[in-house]
Every structure is written in C-alpha cells, then in structure tokens.
Amino acid sequence: MFPLSSQKKYWTFVDETDLNRLRNEANMNFILKHGMNMTAEQRACTFLSAAEEQILLRQYEYHLKEFCRRFNPSMPRLVIGTAFQYFKRFYLRNSVMDYHPKEILATCVYLACKVEEFNISIQQFVANIKGDREKAADIILNNELLLMQQLNFHLTVHNPFRPINGYVRTRGTLKDPDRLIPGIDELIDRSFQTDACLFYAPSQIALAAILHSASKIQENLDCYVTETLIGKSAKEKLPNLIEAVRKIRSMIKLSDSPPRDLIRQLEKKLDKCRNQENNPDSQIYKQRMQEMLDEEDEPSNQTYARVSREQAYEEERLLGVSKVLSPSAS
C-alpha cells in the first residue's frame, strides 16, 4: 500500500523547496569537486547551473518517453511509469555532469522492465537502440548496480494506473467509461514530464486524470467524487484533495518542451564539462574498465598478494613504518 511504502516515506516531498535543495546540492558538489581551483566566473562559464541541468533533464524525459513509445515489443505503461520515477529519483542527488542522462535513461528503462516483470533479454533491449549495441549493453549493465544503489534499492513503484482502473470501474452510472480513456492517457503521459509523482499520491494523480478527461467530454463527476470516492465520513479531506488535483493539472499545463537552440547550447557545454571518468568514450573510462576485467581474470592468490602489497604501501606512506608482508603476499 502506498501510505506504508518507501515511495511515500523517502520519495514524496512537500514542495519545490525540497527538490531544489537536493538538486542544488548535487550541482554544487560536482562543481566544488571538479572546479576547486577555478574562480566563480570560471566556474559559471565552465559548468552547468542547477537550472540548466533541469532544462536538459526535461529534454531527456521526452527522449525517454519516445524510446518507450517506439519500443519493440510494445512496452506496458507500468514499465514506463516506473522508469520515469527511477530517472527523476536518480537526478535528485546526482548531477548530469557526473552521469550523462542518455546513459542513465536506458538503464532506468532496463531496470524497470525487470522490476515490472516485462521479461526481455539485454540483447532484445539493445535491439531498440541505434548505434553500437554491444557498447550500449555494456553501459547499461555497468550502470545497473549504480542506479539501484542511488535509489537506495527502493525499486517498488506505485503508479497511478491501478487507482485509475479502480475509479473507472467504481463509476457505475457512467454510460461508457471507455470514453474517459483518451483524456486519462493524455494527462498521465504529460504528468511523466513533471515532478507530480514526487509530490502527490498515485491516487491523486489518477483522480486528476479522470477529472481532466471528464471535463473534456463534458461529463460531471462531482457527485461521484464526493459521494462514491470520498464518502460522507471523509468529507473533511475534500478541500485538500481538490487543491491537489488543481495543482497537478496546473503543473501539467506548464510542462512545455525547452527551445531546441537552448538544448544544443547546453549539450555542447555538457560535453565539455562532464566527468570523463564516467564517459564511456574517454580513455580514462576505458582504462578503468580494462583494469576491472584484468582483476576478474586474476587468480585469487595473485589478487590477495596485490591487495596486501597495496595495503602495506599505503600504511607505510601514512604511518612512516614498514609492514612485513607474509610469505603468501610476497
């Protein structure tokens, strides 16, 4: 149940202030780490601001939606909703300059497929990606554990689709409930490109979608909401529910795509300032991956010897004393 879930406890926030604080911290932490010897002016010219990061992320949310829409075989909407939640959660505490959205995006969708039991292999998955598919598979698999760690392994996501089905079935006086579906789908799709899922319960988003659709076909659902859904015993909740629905619909009306020229400028800036250690095309990344592969191939006794030597060297450096290695480590 959502009220007892990790989503409610750890990933539902009061207002924009909470989100802005987390995003600003992620942005500033990256800048302080990678621009410690720069002036404030140099940092501003070199790195993306938190606001610029959000503009880029909105664009990549559009790419995520299009990737899922074109996916073959057809992807369940439950997977799409979960992938969006993972993507948004990841970038609450991580900067796009550290981890490029195009790589995290694919990993979010792949992990969502697993969690929501849309069973496809990595080969089937990357068949939907243009370019070097073997490289894409490596990137996704290398990022999968990172993604789960950054989500604190809170992988269960409550989406609005189940409440929608319940609301529509409960509405017995509606002659043709299927008439509501196009309008519902429209609002849910657009809600993915807002922060609504980080503020509101799935049931509130579902209700906003139903009322949005009803208004489009001029169906009055006031009695349904107050009497069937809320009930007389809980009418004190009605003002808060109405306000939540109003804010959700307002957020969605304001969710416009950023200008293409601006996106191109920010992409160029990101290419120059991104962390090369996490860039699969960089030499330092390739070298690190090769070292990891070499370690996997290394016999266990050699691994122990190497780690022991490294530990002894580090202790000698820090303490100024030599540690005698055991015969097995020499």
Protein backbone atom coordinates (compact mmCIF):
# COMPACT_ATOMS: atom_id res chain seq x y z
CA MET A 1 0.00 0.00 0.00
CA PHE A 2 1.22 3.47 -0.89
CA PRO A 3 0.81 5.06 2.60
CA LEU A 4 3.25 2.50 4.04
CA SER A 5 5.63 2.37 1.07
CA SER A 6 9.23 3.53 0.66
CA GLN A 7 7.90 5.79 -2.10
CA LYS A 8 5.74 7.66 0.39
CA LYS A 9 8.39 7.71 3.12
CA TYR A 10 11.53 8.56 1.15
CA TRP A 11 10.49 9.79 -2.31
CA THR A 12 7.46 12.02 -1.71
CA PHE A 13 8.28 15.64 -0.93
CA VAL A 14 6.36 18.59 0.46
CA ASP A 15 7.10 21.19 -2.19
CA GLU A 16 9.60 22.50 -4.74
CA THR A 17 11.87 23.78 -1.97
CA ASP A 18 12.89 20.25 -1.03
CA LEU A 19 13.62 19.26 -4.62
CA ASN A 20 15.52 22.44 -5.38
CA ARG A 21 17.70 21.96 -2.29
CA LEU A 22 18.68 18.43 -3.29
CA ARG A 23 19.32 19.37 -6.91
CA ASN A 24 21.34 22.45 -5.99
CA GLU A 25 23.45 20.36 -3.61
CA ALA A 26 24.17 17.77 -6.32
CA ASN A 27 25.13 20.51 -8.75
CA MET A 28 27.32 22.38 -6.27
CA ASN A 29 29.06 19.23 -5.03
CA PHE A 30 30.16 18.42 -8.57
CA ILE A 31 31.35 21.97 -9.24
CA LEU A 32 33.30 22.18 -5.98
CA LYS A 33 34.97 18.85 -6.67
CA HIS A 34 35.93 19.49 -10.29
CA GLY A 35 36.41 23.25 -10.20
CA MET A 36 38.13 23.78 -6.86
CA ASN A 37 40.95 25.80 -8.43
CA MET A 38 38.66 27.98 -10.53
CA THR A 39 37.26 31.41 -9.83
CA ALA A 40 33.50 31.87 -9.53
CA GLU A 41 33.46 33.40 -13.00
CA GLN A 42 35.37 30.46 -14.50
CA ARG A 43 33.00 28.00 -12.85
CA ALA A 44 29.97 29.79 -14.28
CA CYS A 45 31.45 29.63 -17.78
CA THR A 46 32.57 26.00 -17.47
CA PHE A 47 29.83 24.16 -15.61
CA LEU A 48 26.08 23.84 -15.92
CA SER A 49 23.93 25.54 -13.31
CA ALA A 50 21.26 23.58 -11.45
CA ALA A 51 18.60 25.33 -13.56
CA GLU A 52 20.39 24.36 -16.77
CA GLU A 53 20.60 20.78 -15.60
CA GLN A 54 16.83 20.73 -15.15
CA ILE A 55 16.28 22.03 -18.66
CA LEU A 56 18.41 19.20 -20.05
CA LEU A 57 16.64 16.63 -17.90
CA ARG A 58 13.25 17.74 -19.20
CA GLN A 59 14.53 17.16 -22.73
CA TYR A 60 15.82 13.71 -21.85
CA GLU A 61 12.49 12.85 -20.24
CA TYR A 62 11.00 13.49 -23.66
CA HIS A 63 13.61 11.12 -25.17
CA LEU A 64 12.71 8.53 -22.54
CA LYS A 65 9.04 8.74 -23.45
CA GLU A 66 9.79 8.41 -27.17
CA PHE A 67 12.13 5.47 -26.61
CA CYS A 68 9.43 3.63 -24.68
CA ARG A 69 6.76 4.52 -27.23
CA ARG A 70 8.79 3.05 -30.12
CA PHE A 71 10.00 0.03 -28.16
CA ASN A 72 9.50 -3.38 -29.73
CA PRO A 73 7.78 -5.43 -28.35
CA SER A 74 5.21 -2.93 -27.09
CA MET A 75 6.09 -1.80 -23.58
CA PRO A 76 3.47 -1.88 -20.77
CA ARG A 77 2.68 1.55 -19.36
CA LEU A 78 3.54 0.30 -15.90
CA VAL A 79 7.15 -0.09 -17.04
CA ILE A 80 7.17 3.44 -18.46
CA GLY A 81 5.83 4.96 -15.23
CA THR A 82 8.42 3.12 -13.16
CA ALA A 83 11.27 4.12 -15.49
CA PHE A 84 10.31 7.78 -15.17
CA GLN A 85 10.28 7.54 -11.38
CA TYR A 86 13.75 5.96 -11.36
CA PHE A 87 15.08 8.67 -13.68
CA LYS A 88 13.70 11.51 -11.56
CA ARG A 89 14.89 9.98 -8.29
CA PHE A 90 18.41 9.37 -9.59
CA TYR A 91 18.93 13.02 -10.52
CA LEU A 92 17.73 14.35 -7.20
CA ARG A 93 21.15 13.55 -5.76
CA ASN A 94 23.31 13.26 -8.87
CA SER A 95 24.44 15.79 -11.45
CA VAL A 96 24.05 15.30 -15.19
CA MET A 97 27.70 16.39 -15.37
CA ASP A 98 28.65 13.28 -13.40
CA TYR A 99 26.35 10.81 -15.15
CA HIS A 100 25.07 11.61 -18.63
CA PRO A 101 21.26 11.32 -18.91
CA LYS A 102 21.38 9.37 -22.19
CA GLU A 103 23.14 6.52 -20.39
CA ILE A 104 21.13 6.61 -17.16
CA LEU A 105 17.91 6.84 -19.19
CA ALA A 106 18.45 3.47 -20.86
CA THR A 107 19.46 1.87 -17.56
CA CYS A 108 16.29 3.16 -15.87
CA VAL A 109 14.12 1.61 -18.57
CA TYR A 110 16.02 -1.69 -18.49
CA LEU A 111 15.75 -1.94 -14.69
CA ALA A 112 12.04 -1.04 -14.84
CA CYS A 113 11.50 -3.88 -17.32
CA LYS A 114 12.98 -6.29 -14.79
CA VAL A 115 11.12 -4.95 -11.76
CA GLU A 116 7.76 -4.84 -13.53
CA GLU A 117 8.36 -8.34 -14.98
CA PHE A 118 8.42 -7.29 -18.62
CA ASN A 119 10.74 -10.13 -19.44
CA ILE A 120 13.19 -9.31 -22.22
CA SER A 121 16.88 -10.08 -22.56
CA ILE A 122 19.59 -7.42 -22.78
CA GLN A 123 20.01 -8.38 -26.45
CA GLN A 124 16.32 -7.75 -27.12
CA PHE A 125 16.53 -4.50 -25.22
CA VAL A 126 19.53 -3.03 -27.06
CA ALA A 127 17.99 -4.07 -30.39
CA ASN A 128 15.86 -0.95 -29.86
CA ILE A 129 18.95 1.28 -29.60
CA LYS A 130 20.67 2.81 -32.62
CA GLY A 131 24.43 2.54 -32.99
CA ASP A 132 26.83 0.18 -31.26
CA ARG A 133 24.53 -2.23 -29.43
CA GLU A 134 27.29 -4.19 -27.74
CA LYS A 135 28.64 -0.96 -26.28
CA ALA A 136 25.12 0.05 -25.22
CA ALA A 137 24.64 -3.28 -23.42
CA ASP A 138 27.94 -2.82 -21.57
CA ILE A 139 26.98 0.70 -20.46
CA ILE A 140 23.55 -0.40 -19.23
CA LEU A 141 24.88 -3.38 -17.31
CA ASN A 142 27.76 -1.36 -15.82
CA ASN A 143 25.29 1.30 -14.60
CA GLU A 144 22.63 -1.06 -13.27
CA LEU A 145 24.10 -1.55 -9.79
CA LEU A 146 24.93 2.16 -9.56
CA LEU A 147 21.30 3.01 -10.31
CA MET A 148 19.97 0.59 -7.70
CA GLN A 149 22.39 1.98 -5.12
CA GLN A 150 21.34 5.57 -5.83
CA LEU A 151 17.70 4.51 -5.47
CA ASN A 152 18.64 3.01 -2.08
CA PHE A 153 17.28 -0.25 -3.51
CA HIS A 154 13.74 1.15 -3.25
CA LEU A 155 12.66 -0.44 -6.51
CA THR A 156 8.91 -0.89 -5.93
CA VAL A 157 6.99 1.97 -7.53
CA HIS A 158 3.30 2.78 -7.07
CA ASN A 159 1.93 4.14 -10.35
CA PRO A 160 -1.48 5.76 -10.94
CA PHE A 161 -2.70 3.04 -13.32
CA ARG A 162 -4.22 0.76 -10.68
CA PRO A 163 -6.20 3.59 -9.00
CA ILE A 164 -7.45 4.65 -12.43
CA ASN A 165 -8.82 1.18 -13.12
CA GLY A 166 -10.49 1.15 -9.72
CA TYR A 167 -12.04 4.59 -10.16
CA VAL A 168 -13.41 3.85 -13.62
CA ARG A 169 -14.91 0.50 -12.59
CA THR A 170 -16.50 2.02 -9.47
CA ARG A 171 -18.29 4.67 -11.50
CA GLY A 172 -21.35 2.57 -12.24
CA THR A 173 -23.55 5.40 -13.52
CA LEU A 174 -21.21 6.30 -16.37
CA LYS A 175 -22.70 5.01 -19.61
CA ASP A 176 -19.44 4.45 -21.45
CA PRO A 177 -16.33 4.51 -19.21
CA ASP A 178 -14.08 3.91 -22.22
CA ARG A 179 -14.80 7.47 -23.33
CA LEU A 180 -12.60 8.66 -20.48
CA ILE A 181 -9.54 6.66 -21.52
CA PRO A 182 -8.02 9.01 -24.18
CA GLY A 183 -8.17 12.02 -21.85
CA ILE A 184 -6.80 10.00 -18.95
CA ASP A 185 -3.89 8.72 -21.03
CA GLU A 186 -3.13 12.27 -22.20
CA LEU A 187 -2.80 13.66 -18.70
CA ILE A 188 -0.82 10.70 -17.36
CA ASP A 189 1.64 10.91 -20.26
CA ARG A 190 2.15 14.61 -19.69
CA SER A 191 2.48 14.12 -15.94
CA PHE A 192 5.58 12.00 -16.55
CA GLN A 193 7.37 15.15 -17.68
CA THR A 194 6.58 17.00 -14.46
CA ASP A 195 7.52 16.40 -10.83
CA ALA A 196 3.95 15.41 -9.91
CA CYS A 197 4.99 11.88 -8.91
CA LEU A 198 7.43 13.35 -6.36
CA PHE A 199 4.69 15.37 -4.64
CA TYR A 200 1.40 13.53 -4.94
CA ALA A 201 0.00 10.07 -4.26
CA PRO A 202 -0.79 7.88 -7.29
CA SER A 203 -4.48 8.05 -6.36
CA GLN A 204 -4.40 11.87 -6.54
CA ILE A 205 -2.74 11.83 -9.95
CA ALA A 206 -5.27 9.22 -11.09
CA LEU A 207 -8.18 11.36 -9.93
CA ALA A 208 -6.72 14.44 -11.65
CA ALA A 209 -6.50 12.43 -14.89
CA ILE A 210 -10.11 11.24 -14.63
CA LEU A 211 -11.47 14.71 -13.88
CA HIS A 212 -9.38 16.17 -16.71
CA SER A 213 -10.83 13.62 -19.11
CA ALA A 214 -14.37 14.13 -17.82
CA SER A 215 -14.12 17.88 -18.39
CA LYS A 216 -13.05 17.27 -21.99
CA ILE A 217 -16.17 15.20 -22.72
CA GLN A 218 -18.34 17.44 -20.52
CA GLU A 219 -19.11 14.70 -18.01
CA ASN A 220 -19.85 15.96 -14.48
CA LEU A 221 -18.25 13.73 -11.86
CA ASP A 222 -18.75 15.94 -8.79
CA CYS A 223 -21.25 13.59 -7.16
CA TYR A 224 -19.04 10.61 -7.95
CA VAL A 225 -16.06 12.18 -6.21
CA THR A 226 -17.89 13.47 -3.14
CA GLU A 227 -20.25 10.54 -2.55
CA THR A 228 -18.72 7.43 -4.14
CA LEU A 229 -14.97 8.01 -3.75
CA ILE A 230 -14.72 10.24 -0.69
CA GLY A 231 -17.86 9.24 1.16
CA LYS A 232 -19.74 11.24 3.74
CA SER A 233 -17.45 10.11 6.56
CA ALA A 234 -14.35 11.63 4.97
CA LYS A 235 -15.65 14.89 3.51
CA GLU A 236 -13.12 16.85 5.56
CA LYS A 237 -10.48 15.53 3.13
CA LEU A 238 -12.25 17.04 0.14
CA PRO A 239 -10.65 20.55 0.18
CA ASN A 240 -7.11 19.07 0.27
CA LEU A 241 -7.96 16.63 -2.50
CA ILE A 242 -9.43 19.36 -4.69
CA GLU A 243 -6.32 21.51 -4.13
CA ALA A 244 -4.02 18.60 -5.02
CA VAL A 245 -5.94 17.93 -8.23
CA ARG A 246 -5.83 21.61 -9.13
CA LYS A 247 -2.05 21.79 -8.62
CA ILE A 248 -1.42 18.62 -10.62
CA ARG A 249 -3.39 19.95 -13.59
CA SER A 250 -1.59 23.31 -13.32
CA MET A 251 1.82 21.62 -13.32
CA ILE A 252 0.92 19.72 -16.47
CA LYS A 253 -0.29 22.85 -18.28
CA LEU A 254 3.12 24.43 -17.65
CA SER A 255 5.13 21.44 -18.91
CA ASP A 256 6.44 22.74 -22.23
CA SER A 257 9.47 21.45 -24.13
CA PRO A 258 12.55 23.72 -23.96
CA PRO A 259 13.72 25.51 -27.14
CA ARG A 260 15.96 23.40 -29.39
CA ASP A 261 18.63 26.09 -29.71
CA LEU A 262 18.98 26.23 -25.94
CA ILE A 263 19.22 22.44 -25.72
CA ARG A 264 22.02 22.39 -28.32
CA GLN A 265 23.97 25.01 -26.36
CA LEU A 266 23.60 23.09 -23.11
CA GLU A 267 24.55 19.79 -24.77
CA LYS A 268 27.79 21.35 -26.02
CA LYS A 269 28.53 22.71 -22.56
CA LEU A 270 27.82 19.30 -21.02
CA ASP A 271 30.16 17.55 -23.43
CA LYS A 272 32.99 19.80 -22.25
CA CYS A 273 32.37 19.64 -18.51
CA ARG A 274 31.13 16.08 -17.91
CA ASN A 275 33.12 13.76 -15.68
CA GLN A 276 35.42 11.87 -18.04
CA GLU A 277 35.75 9.03 -15.55
CA ASN A 278 32.11 8.19 -16.28
CA ASN A 279 32.28 8.84 -20.03
CA PRO A 280 32.39 5.52 -21.95
CA ASP A 281 34.16 7.27 -24.85
CA SER A 282 37.01 8.60 -22.73
CA GLN A 283 40.39 6.93 -22.39
CA ILE A 284 40.31 7.05 -18.60
CA TYR A 285 36.97 5.20 -18.53
CA LYS A 286 38.20 2.52 -20.93
CA GLN A 287 41.36 2.07 -18.87
CA ARG A 288 39.31 1.66 -15.69
CA MET A 289 37.06 -0.93 -17.33
CA GLN A 290 40.10 -2.83 -18.56
CA GLU A 291 41.59 -2.86 -15.08
CA MET A 292 38.33 -4.27 -13.72
CA LEU A 293 38.39 -7.01 -16.35
CA ASP A 294 42.02 -7.78 -15.54
CA GLU A 295 41.15 -8.09 -11.86
CA GLU A 296 38.36 -10.54 -12.70
CA ASP A 297 40.81 -12.67 -14.67
CA GLU A 298 43.49 -12.51 -11.96
CA PRO A 299 43.87 -15.71 -9.89
CA SER A 300 42.68 -15.30 -6.30
CA ASN A 301 46.16 -15.83 -4.77
CA GLN A 302 47.61 -13.12 -7.01
CA THR A 303 44.73 -10.81 -6.12
CA TYR A 304 45.41 -11.32 -2.41
CA ALA A 305 49.12 -10.66 -2.90
CA ARG A 306 48.47 -7.50 -4.89
CA VAL A 307 45.95 -6.14 -2.37
CA SER A 308 48.34 -6.93 0.51
CA ARG A 309 51.19 -5.07 -1.19
CA GLU A 310 48.97 -2.08 -1.87
CA GLN A 311 47.74 -2.05 1.73
CA ALA A 312 51.29 -2.30 3.09
CA TYR A 313 52.44 0.54 0.86
CA GLU A 314 49.55 2.74 1.95
CA GLU A 315 50.19 2.06 5.64
CA GLU A 316 53.88 2.82 5.19
CA ARG A 317 53.05 6.06 3.44
CA LEU A 318 50.57 7.16 6.11
CA LEU A 319 52.42 5.96 9.21
CA GLY A 320 56.05 6.08 8.10
CA VAL A 321 56.58 2.45 9.11
CA SER A 322 57.14 -0.66 7.04
CA LYS A 323 54.91 -3.68 7.36
CA VAL A 324 56.45 -7.08 6.84
CA LEU A 325 54.49 -8.97 4.23
CA SER A 326 53.50 -12.55 4.90
CA PRO A 327 55.16 -15.17 2.67
CA SER A 328 51.91 -15.61 0.73
CA ALA A 329 51.84 -11.90 -0.07
CA SER A 330 55.46 -11.63 -1.23
